Amino acid sequence: MKKPFITLSLLFAFFIAHSQENCLTKENLLKLDLQWEQALLVSDADFLSKLLADEFIWIHNHNSMTDSKEALVKRAADPNRKATGDTKSRISRDVTVAIQGSTAVVTGITVVDRGPTPTTYHFMRTYARKDRKCYLLGNHTMAVPEDEK
């Protein structure tokens, strides 16, 4: 009787440990993506430098601007510029997660309020797992036309 109990206990411990080291779960990615939005809102350069892959790229609306990790972290660290300008709020909705192997794509809508009126963006972010940690590898944002909101 003790042997099956010990075996089950060990299996349970293994699965808990394994799930804790896998950052690429839907729940973890949804949390991480909210942390990304918050870091942009408050210009948390330290968090951004840890989250972004060295090869990170952000393609902005209609390729109006392209950011690298270095450029975004530098801007976030500058109190006069901030990560995304003088932003009052960033609210995400309709967020979905697709996971394949060690890569995940998170898509959704973010409403960014910089005044005088908020702008709605569709986003697609690519997260990759490396050495048990998730990194944001790419971000693409596109403004949603007023008549499609």
N, C-alpha and C. Protein backbone atom coordinates (compact mmCIF):
# COMPACT_ATOMS: atom_id res chain seq x y z
N MET A 1 0.82 -1.20 0.00
CA MET A 1 0.00 0.00 0.00
C MET A 1 0.86 1.27 0.00
N LYS A 2 1.99 1.20 0.72
CA LYS A 2 2.85 2.37 0.79
C LYS A 2 3.54 2.66 -0.54
N LYS A 3 3.91 1.62 -1.27
CA LYS A 3 4.64 1.80 -2.52
C LYS A 3 3.82 2.59 -3.56
N PRO A 4 2.54 2.25 -3.81
CA PRO A 4 1.76 3.06 -4.76
C PRO A 4 1.60 4.50 -4.29
N PHE A 5 1.43 4.69 -2.98
CA PHE A 5 1.29 6.05 -2.45
C PHE A 5 2.56 6.86 -2.68
N ILE A 6 3.70 6.25 -2.42
CA ILE A 6 4.98 6.94 -2.63
C ILE A 6 5.18 7.23 -4.11
N THR A 7 4.86 6.28 -4.96
CA THR A 7 4.99 6.48 -6.41
C THR A 7 4.09 7.62 -6.87
N LEU A 8 2.84 7.63 -6.42
CA LEU A 8 1.93 8.71 -6.79
C LEU A 8 2.41 10.05 -6.26
N SER A 9 2.93 10.06 -5.05
CA SER A 9 3.45 11.30 -4.47
C SER A 9 4.62 11.84 -5.28
N LEU A 10 5.51 10.95 -5.68
CA LEU A 10 6.66 11.38 -6.49
C LEU A 10 6.21 11.90 -7.85
N LEU A 11 5.26 11.20 -8.47
CA LEU A 11 4.74 11.67 -9.76
C LEU A 11 4.08 13.04 -9.62
N PHE A 12 3.30 13.21 -8.57
CA PHE A 12 2.63 14.49 -8.33
C PHE A 12 3.67 15.60 -8.15
N ALA A 13 4.71 15.34 -7.36
CA ALA A 13 5.77 16.33 -7.15
C ALA A 13 6.48 16.66 -8.46
N PHE A 14 6.72 15.64 -9.29
CA PHE A 14 7.36 15.86 -10.59
C PHE A 14 6.51 16.77 -11.46
N PHE A 15 5.21 16.49 -11.53
CA PHE A 15 4.33 17.29 -12.39
C PHE A 15 4.21 18.72 -11.88
N ILE A 16 4.17 18.91 -10.58
CA ILE A 16 4.12 20.27 -10.03
C ILE A 16 5.41 21.01 -10.37
N ALA A 17 6.54 20.38 -10.15
CA ALA A 17 7.83 21.02 -10.46
C ALA A 17 7.93 21.33 -11.94
N HIS A 18 7.50 20.39 -12.79
CA HIS A 18 7.57 20.61 -14.24
C HIS A 18 6.66 21.75 -14.66
N SER A 19 5.47 21.83 -14.10
CA SER A 19 4.54 22.89 -14.50
C SER A 19 5.04 24.25 -14.04
N GLN A 20 5.75 24.30 -12.91
CA GLN A 20 6.26 25.57 -12.42
C GLN A 20 7.41 26.07 -13.28
N GLU A 21 8.13 25.18 -13.93
CA GLU A 21 9.26 25.63 -14.74
C GLU A 21 8.84 25.93 -16.18
N ASN A 22 7.61 25.64 -16.54
CA ASN A 22 7.14 25.89 -17.90
C ASN A 22 6.40 27.22 -17.94
N CYS A 23 7.08 28.24 -18.41
CA CYS A 23 6.46 29.55 -18.49
C CYS A 23 5.46 29.63 -19.64
N LEU A 24 5.53 28.71 -20.58
CA LEU A 24 4.66 28.75 -21.76
C LEU A 24 3.36 28.00 -21.51
N THR A 25 2.58 28.50 -20.57
CA THR A 25 1.22 28.03 -20.38
C THR A 25 0.32 29.22 -20.64
N LYS A 26 -0.91 28.95 -20.99
CA LYS A 26 -1.84 30.04 -21.28
C LYS A 26 -1.94 31.00 -20.09
N GLU A 27 -2.09 30.44 -18.90
CA GLU A 27 -2.22 31.27 -17.70
C GLU A 27 -0.98 32.14 -17.48
N ASN A 28 0.20 31.55 -17.57
CA ASN A 28 1.43 32.32 -17.38
C ASN A 28 1.62 33.39 -18.44
N LEU A 29 1.30 33.07 -19.67
CA LEU A 29 1.46 34.05 -20.76
C LEU A 29 0.49 35.21 -20.63
N LEU A 30 -0.73 34.94 -20.20
CA LEU A 30 -1.69 36.03 -19.98
C LEU A 30 -1.18 36.97 -18.90
N LYS A 31 -0.63 36.41 -17.82
CA LYS A 31 -0.07 37.24 -16.75
C LYS A 31 1.14 38.02 -17.25
N LEU A 32 2.02 37.34 -17.97
CA LEU A 32 3.23 37.98 -18.49
C LEU A 32 2.88 39.12 -19.45
N ASP A 33 1.87 38.90 -20.27
CA ASP A 33 1.47 39.93 -21.22
C ASP A 33 0.89 41.15 -20.51
N LEU A 34 0.15 40.93 -19.42
CA LEU A 34 -0.34 42.07 -18.63
C LEU A 34 0.83 42.81 -17.98
N GLN A 35 1.85 42.07 -17.55
CA GLN A 35 3.04 42.71 -16.98
C GLN A 35 3.76 43.55 -18.04
N TRP A 36 3.79 43.07 -19.27
CA TRP A 36 4.38 43.82 -20.39
C TRP A 36 3.63 45.15 -20.54
N GLU A 37 2.31 45.09 -20.57
CA GLU A 37 1.50 46.31 -20.73
C GLU A 37 1.77 47.28 -19.57
N GLN A 38 1.83 46.75 -18.36
CA GLN A 38 2.08 47.59 -17.18
C GLN A 38 3.48 48.20 -17.25
N ALA A 39 4.46 47.43 -17.68
CA ALA A 39 5.83 47.95 -17.79
C ALA A 39 5.90 49.08 -18.81
N LEU A 40 5.14 48.97 -19.90
CA LEU A 40 5.10 50.06 -20.87
C LEU A 40 4.44 51.29 -20.26
N LEU A 41 3.37 51.07 -19.50
CA LEU A 41 2.63 52.19 -18.90
C LEU A 41 3.50 52.98 -17.93
N VAL A 42 4.25 52.27 -17.09
CA VAL A 42 5.05 52.95 -16.07
C VAL A 42 6.52 53.10 -16.46
N SER A 43 6.86 52.71 -17.67
CA SER A 43 8.24 52.80 -18.18
C SER A 43 9.23 52.07 -17.27
N ASP A 44 8.94 50.81 -17.00
CA ASP A 44 9.79 49.98 -16.14
C ASP A 44 10.93 49.38 -16.97
N ALA A 45 12.00 50.14 -17.09
CA ALA A 45 13.13 49.74 -17.93
C ALA A 45 13.77 48.45 -17.43
N ASP A 46 13.82 48.25 -16.12
CA ASP A 46 14.42 47.03 -15.57
C ASP A 46 13.63 45.80 -15.99
N PHE A 47 12.31 45.85 -15.84
CA PHE A 47 11.47 44.72 -16.24
C PHE A 47 11.60 44.46 -17.74
N LEU A 48 11.57 45.52 -18.53
CA LEU A 48 11.67 45.37 -19.98
C LEU A 48 13.00 44.74 -20.37
N SER A 49 14.08 45.15 -19.72
CA SER A 49 15.39 44.59 -20.08
C SER A 49 15.47 43.10 -19.77
N LYS A 50 14.72 42.64 -18.77
CA LYS A 50 14.70 41.21 -18.43
C LYS A 50 13.73 40.43 -19.31
N LEU A 51 12.63 41.04 -19.72
CA LEU A 51 11.61 40.36 -20.51
C LEU A 51 12.00 40.22 -21.98
N LEU A 52 12.61 41.24 -22.54
CA LEU A 52 12.85 41.26 -23.98
C LEU A 52 14.05 40.41 -24.38
N ALA A 53 13.85 39.61 -25.41
CA ALA A 53 14.96 38.84 -25.99
C ALA A 53 15.95 39.82 -26.60
N ASP A 54 17.20 39.41 -26.68
CA ASP A 54 18.22 40.28 -27.29
C ASP A 54 17.85 40.66 -28.72
N GLU A 55 17.16 39.76 -29.41
CA GLU A 55 16.78 39.97 -30.81
C GLU A 55 15.40 40.62 -30.94
N PHE A 56 14.84 41.13 -29.84
CA PHE A 56 13.49 41.70 -29.85
C PHE A 56 13.32 42.75 -30.94
N ILE A 57 12.14 42.72 -31.55
CA ILE A 57 11.77 43.73 -32.54
C ILE A 57 10.30 44.08 -32.35
N TRP A 58 10.00 45.38 -32.43
CA TRP A 58 8.63 45.87 -32.33
C TRP A 58 8.35 46.68 -33.58
N ILE A 59 7.44 46.17 -34.39
CA ILE A 59 7.01 46.89 -35.58
C ILE A 59 5.74 47.65 -35.20
N HIS A 60 5.82 48.97 -35.27
CA HIS A 60 4.69 49.81 -34.91
C HIS A 60 3.76 50.00 -36.11
N ASN A 61 2.68 50.67 -35.87
CA ASN A 61 1.62 50.92 -36.84
C ASN A 61 2.15 51.27 -38.23
N HIS A 62 1.79 50.46 -39.22
CA HIS A 62 2.21 50.67 -40.62
C HIS A 62 3.72 50.88 -40.75
N ASN A 63 4.47 50.22 -39.89
CA ASN A 63 5.92 50.32 -39.87
C ASN A 63 6.39 51.77 -39.73
N SER A 64 5.60 52.56 -39.00
CA SER A 64 5.96 53.96 -38.77
C SER A 64 7.21 54.08 -37.91
N MET A 65 7.49 53.02 -37.15
CA MET A 65 8.67 53.00 -36.30
C MET A 65 8.99 51.54 -36.00
N THR A 66 10.26 51.24 -35.87
CA THR A 66 10.69 49.90 -35.48
C THR A 66 11.59 50.04 -34.26
N ASP A 67 11.28 49.28 -33.21
CA ASP A 67 12.06 49.33 -31.98
C ASP A 67 12.86 48.05 -31.81
N SER A 68 14.03 48.19 -31.22
CA SER A 68 14.83 47.06 -30.76
C SER A 68 14.75 47.04 -29.24
N LYS A 69 15.29 46.01 -28.64
CA LYS A 69 15.35 45.95 -27.18
C LYS A 69 16.10 47.17 -26.65
N GLU A 70 17.26 47.42 -27.22
CA GLU A 70 18.10 48.53 -26.76
C GLU A 70 17.36 49.87 -26.83
N ALA A 71 16.67 50.12 -27.94
CA ALA A 71 15.97 51.40 -28.12
C ALA A 71 14.82 51.55 -27.13
N LEU A 72 14.04 50.49 -26.94
CA LEU A 72 12.88 50.58 -26.04
C LEU A 72 13.32 50.73 -24.59
N VAL A 73 14.31 49.97 -24.17
CA VAL A 73 14.78 50.06 -22.79
C VAL A 73 15.39 51.44 -22.53
N LYS A 74 16.13 51.96 -23.49
CA LYS A 74 16.73 53.30 -23.36
C LYS A 74 15.64 54.36 -23.22
N ARG A 75 14.61 54.27 -24.04
CA ARG A 75 13.51 55.24 -23.98
C ARG A 75 12.77 55.12 -22.65
N ALA A 76 12.54 53.89 -22.19
CA ALA A 76 11.83 53.68 -20.93
C ALA A 76 12.61 54.25 -19.75
N ALA A 77 13.93 54.19 -19.82
CA ALA A 77 14.78 54.70 -18.74
C ALA A 77 14.86 56.22 -18.72
N ASP A 78 14.45 56.87 -19.78
CA ASP A 78 14.51 58.34 -19.89
C ASP A 78 13.19 58.93 -19.39
N PRO A 79 13.18 59.59 -18.23
CA PRO A 79 11.92 60.11 -17.69
C PRO A 79 11.27 61.19 -18.56
N ASN A 80 12.04 61.79 -19.45
CA ASN A 80 11.47 62.80 -20.34
C ASN A 80 10.78 62.19 -21.56
N ARG A 81 11.14 60.95 -21.91
CA ARG A 81 10.57 60.31 -23.10
C ARG A 81 9.58 59.22 -22.74
N LYS A 82 9.92 58.37 -21.80
CA LYS A 82 9.13 57.23 -21.36
C LYS A 82 9.02 56.19 -22.47
N ALA A 83 8.60 54.99 -22.09
CA ALA A 83 8.56 53.87 -23.04
C ALA A 83 7.64 54.15 -24.21
N THR A 84 6.44 54.66 -23.94
CA THR A 84 5.48 54.92 -25.02
C THR A 84 4.86 56.30 -24.90
N GLY A 85 5.64 57.26 -24.46
CA GLY A 85 5.14 58.62 -24.34
C GLY A 85 4.33 58.81 -23.06
N ASP A 86 3.58 59.88 -23.02
CA ASP A 86 2.79 60.22 -21.83
C ASP A 86 1.46 59.47 -21.86
N THR A 87 1.50 58.21 -21.48
CA THR A 87 0.33 57.35 -21.57
C THR A 87 -0.41 57.32 -20.24
N LYS A 88 -1.73 57.50 -20.30
CA LYS A 88 -2.56 57.50 -19.10
C LYS A 88 -3.04 56.10 -18.74
N SER A 89 -3.32 55.27 -19.75
CA SER A 89 -3.77 53.90 -19.48
C SER A 89 -3.54 53.01 -20.69
N ARG A 90 -3.48 51.71 -20.41
CA ARG A 90 -3.35 50.66 -21.43
C ARG A 90 -4.25 49.53 -20.98
N ILE A 91 -5.30 49.26 -21.73
CA ILE A 91 -6.27 48.23 -21.35
C ILE A 91 -6.37 47.20 -22.46
N SER A 92 -6.09 45.94 -22.11
CA SER A 92 -6.15 44.85 -23.09
C SER A 92 -7.49 44.14 -23.00
N ARG A 93 -7.89 43.55 -24.14
CA ARG A 93 -9.11 42.75 -24.18
C ARG A 93 -9.01 41.75 -25.33
N ASP A 94 -9.90 40.78 -25.33
CA ASP A 94 -9.98 39.78 -26.40
C ASP A 94 -8.63 39.11 -26.65
N VAL A 95 -7.92 38.80 -25.58
CA VAL A 95 -6.57 38.23 -25.69
C VAL A 95 -6.66 36.72 -25.88
N THR A 96 -5.93 36.21 -26.87
CA THR A 96 -5.86 34.77 -27.12
C THR A 96 -4.40 34.33 -27.12
N VAL A 97 -4.20 33.06 -26.83
CA VAL A 97 -2.86 32.50 -26.75
C VAL A 97 -2.81 31.23 -27.60
N ALA A 98 -1.79 31.12 -28.44
CA ALA A 98 -1.53 29.90 -29.22
C ALA A 98 -0.10 29.46 -28.90
N ILE A 99 0.04 28.20 -28.51
CA ILE A 99 1.34 27.68 -28.10
C ILE A 99 1.73 26.51 -29.00
N GLN A 100 2.98 26.55 -29.48
CA GLN A 100 3.51 25.45 -30.30
C GLN A 100 4.96 25.24 -29.87
N GLY A 101 5.23 24.13 -29.23
CA GLY A 101 6.59 23.85 -28.79
C GLY A 101 7.08 24.88 -27.81
N SER A 102 8.20 25.53 -28.11
CA SER A 102 8.78 26.52 -27.21
C SER A 102 8.47 27.95 -27.63
N THR A 103 7.40 28.11 -28.42
CA THR A 103 7.00 29.42 -28.93
C THR A 103 5.52 29.63 -28.69
N ALA A 104 5.15 30.87 -28.40
CA ALA A 104 3.74 31.20 -28.22
C ALA A 104 3.45 32.53 -28.89
N VAL A 105 2.23 32.64 -29.41
CA VAL A 105 1.76 33.89 -30.00
C VAL A 105 0.57 34.35 -29.19
N VAL A 106 0.63 35.60 -28.74
CA VAL A 106 -0.44 36.21 -27.97
C VAL A 106 -1.01 37.34 -28.82
N THR A 107 -2.31 37.32 -29.05
CA THR A 107 -2.95 38.36 -29.86
C THR A 107 -4.11 38.96 -29.08
N GLY A 108 -4.48 40.17 -29.47
CA GLY A 108 -5.62 40.82 -28.83
C GLY A 108 -5.69 42.28 -29.20
N ILE A 109 -6.43 42.99 -28.39
CA ILE A 109 -6.66 44.43 -28.56
C ILE A 109 -6.14 45.15 -27.33
N THR A 110 -5.47 46.27 -27.54
CA THR A 110 -5.08 47.15 -26.44
C THR A 110 -5.59 48.55 -26.76
N VAL A 111 -6.28 49.14 -25.81
CA VAL A 111 -6.73 50.52 -25.94
C VAL A 111 -5.74 51.38 -25.15
N VAL A 112 -5.07 52.28 -25.87
CA VAL A 112 -4.03 53.11 -25.28
C VAL A 112 -4.54 54.55 -25.22
N ASP A 113 -4.55 55.11 -24.01
CA ASP A 113 -5.03 56.48 -23.84
C ASP A 113 -3.85 57.41 -23.58
N ARG A 114 -3.53 58.19 -24.60
CA ARG A 114 -2.51 59.24 -24.49
C ARG A 114 -3.17 60.61 -24.60
N GLY A 115 -4.50 60.63 -24.74
CA GLY A 115 -5.23 61.87 -24.90
C GLY A 115 -5.03 62.45 -26.29
N PRO A 116 -5.90 63.21 -26.82
CA PRO A 116 -7.20 63.55 -26.24
C PRO A 116 -8.21 62.39 -26.31
N THR A 117 -8.05 61.48 -27.27
CA THR A 117 -8.93 60.31 -27.33
C THR A 117 -8.08 59.05 -27.40
N PRO A 118 -8.55 57.96 -26.81
CA PRO A 118 -7.78 56.71 -26.83
C PRO A 118 -7.65 56.15 -28.25
N THR A 119 -6.57 55.39 -28.47
CA THR A 119 -6.35 54.70 -29.74
C THR A 119 -6.42 53.21 -29.48
N THR A 120 -7.14 52.50 -30.35
CA THR A 120 -7.28 51.06 -30.23
C THR A 120 -6.29 50.39 -31.18
N TYR A 121 -5.52 49.44 -30.63
CA TYR A 121 -4.53 48.72 -31.42
C TYR A 121 -4.81 47.22 -31.39
N HIS A 122 -4.60 46.58 -32.51
CA HIS A 122 -4.54 45.12 -32.53
C HIS A 122 -3.07 44.78 -32.35
N PHE A 123 -2.79 43.77 -31.54
CA PHE A 123 -1.39 43.39 -31.33
C PHE A 123 -1.19 41.90 -31.56
N MET A 124 0.03 41.57 -31.91
CA MET A 124 0.46 40.18 -32.00
C MET A 124 1.88 40.12 -31.44
N ARG A 125 2.03 39.35 -30.36
CA ARG A 125 3.33 39.24 -29.70
C ARG A 125 3.80 37.79 -29.74
N THR A 126 5.08 37.61 -29.94
CA THR A 126 5.68 36.28 -29.97
C THR A 126 6.59 36.12 -28.76
N TYR A 127 6.27 35.12 -27.95
CA TYR A 127 7.09 34.77 -26.80
C TYR A 127 7.82 33.46 -27.10
N ALA A 128 9.05 33.36 -26.61
CA ALA A 128 9.83 32.14 -26.80
C ALA A 128 10.44 31.72 -25.46
N ARG A 129 10.45 30.42 -25.23
CA ARG A 129 11.05 29.88 -24.00
C ARG A 129 12.50 29.49 -24.28
N LYS A 130 13.36 29.95 -23.40
CA LYS A 130 14.79 29.61 -23.49
C LYS A 130 15.30 29.45 -22.07
N ASP A 131 15.91 28.31 -21.79
CA ASP A 131 16.46 28.05 -20.45
C ASP A 131 15.42 28.28 -19.35
N ARG A 132 14.22 27.73 -19.56
CA ARG A 132 13.12 27.78 -18.58
C ARG A 132 12.56 29.18 -18.33
N LYS A 133 12.86 30.13 -19.18
CA LYS A 133 12.36 31.49 -19.03
C LYS A 133 11.71 31.93 -20.33
N CYS A 134 10.65 32.70 -20.20
CA CYS A 134 9.98 33.23 -21.40
C CYS A 134 10.50 34.63 -21.70
N TYR A 135 10.76 34.86 -22.97
CA TYR A 135 11.21 36.16 -23.46
C TYR A 135 10.25 36.64 -24.53
N LEU A 136 10.05 37.95 -24.58
CA LEU A 136 9.27 38.54 -25.66
C LEU A 136 10.21 38.76 -26.83
N LEU A 137 9.94 38.08 -27.91
CA LEU A 137 10.81 38.11 -29.08
C LEU A 137 10.35 39.14 -30.11
N GLY A 138 9.03 39.29 -30.27
CA GLY A 138 8.52 40.22 -31.27
C GLY A 138 7.17 40.77 -30.89
N ASN A 139 6.91 41.99 -31.31
CA ASN A 139 5.63 42.66 -31.06
C ASN A 139 5.26 43.43 -32.33
N HIS A 140 4.04 43.27 -32.76
CA HIS A 140 3.53 44.01 -33.91
C HIS A 140 2.22 44.65 -33.49
N THR A 141 2.12 45.96 -33.67
CA THR A 141 0.90 46.67 -33.31
C THR A 141 0.37 47.43 -34.51
N MET A 142 -0.95 47.45 -34.62
CA MET A 142 -1.59 48.13 -35.75
C MET A 142 -2.84 48.83 -35.23
N ALA A 143 -2.94 50.13 -35.49
CA ALA A 143 -4.12 50.88 -35.07
C ALA A 143 -5.35 50.35 -35.80
N VAL A 144 -6.43 50.23 -35.06
CA VAL A 144 -7.70 49.77 -35.62
C VAL A 144 -8.46 51.01 -36.09
N PRO A 145 -8.91 51.03 -37.35
CA PRO A 145 -9.66 52.20 -37.84
C PRO A 145 -10.91 52.45 -36.99
N GLU A 146 -11.26 53.71 -36.85
CA GLU A 146 -12.41 54.11 -36.03
C GLU A 146 -13.67 53.34 -36.35
N ASP A 147 -13.94 53.09 -37.62
CA ASP A 147 -15.19 52.43 -38.01
C ASP A 147 -15.17 50.92 -37.76
N GLU A 148 -14.05 50.36 -37.30
CA GLU A 148 -13.96 48.92 -37.04
C GLU A 148 -13.86 48.58 -35.57
N LYS A 149 -13.97 49.56 -34.69
CA LYS A 149 -13.80 49.31 -33.25
C LYS A 149 -14.98 48.61 -32.65
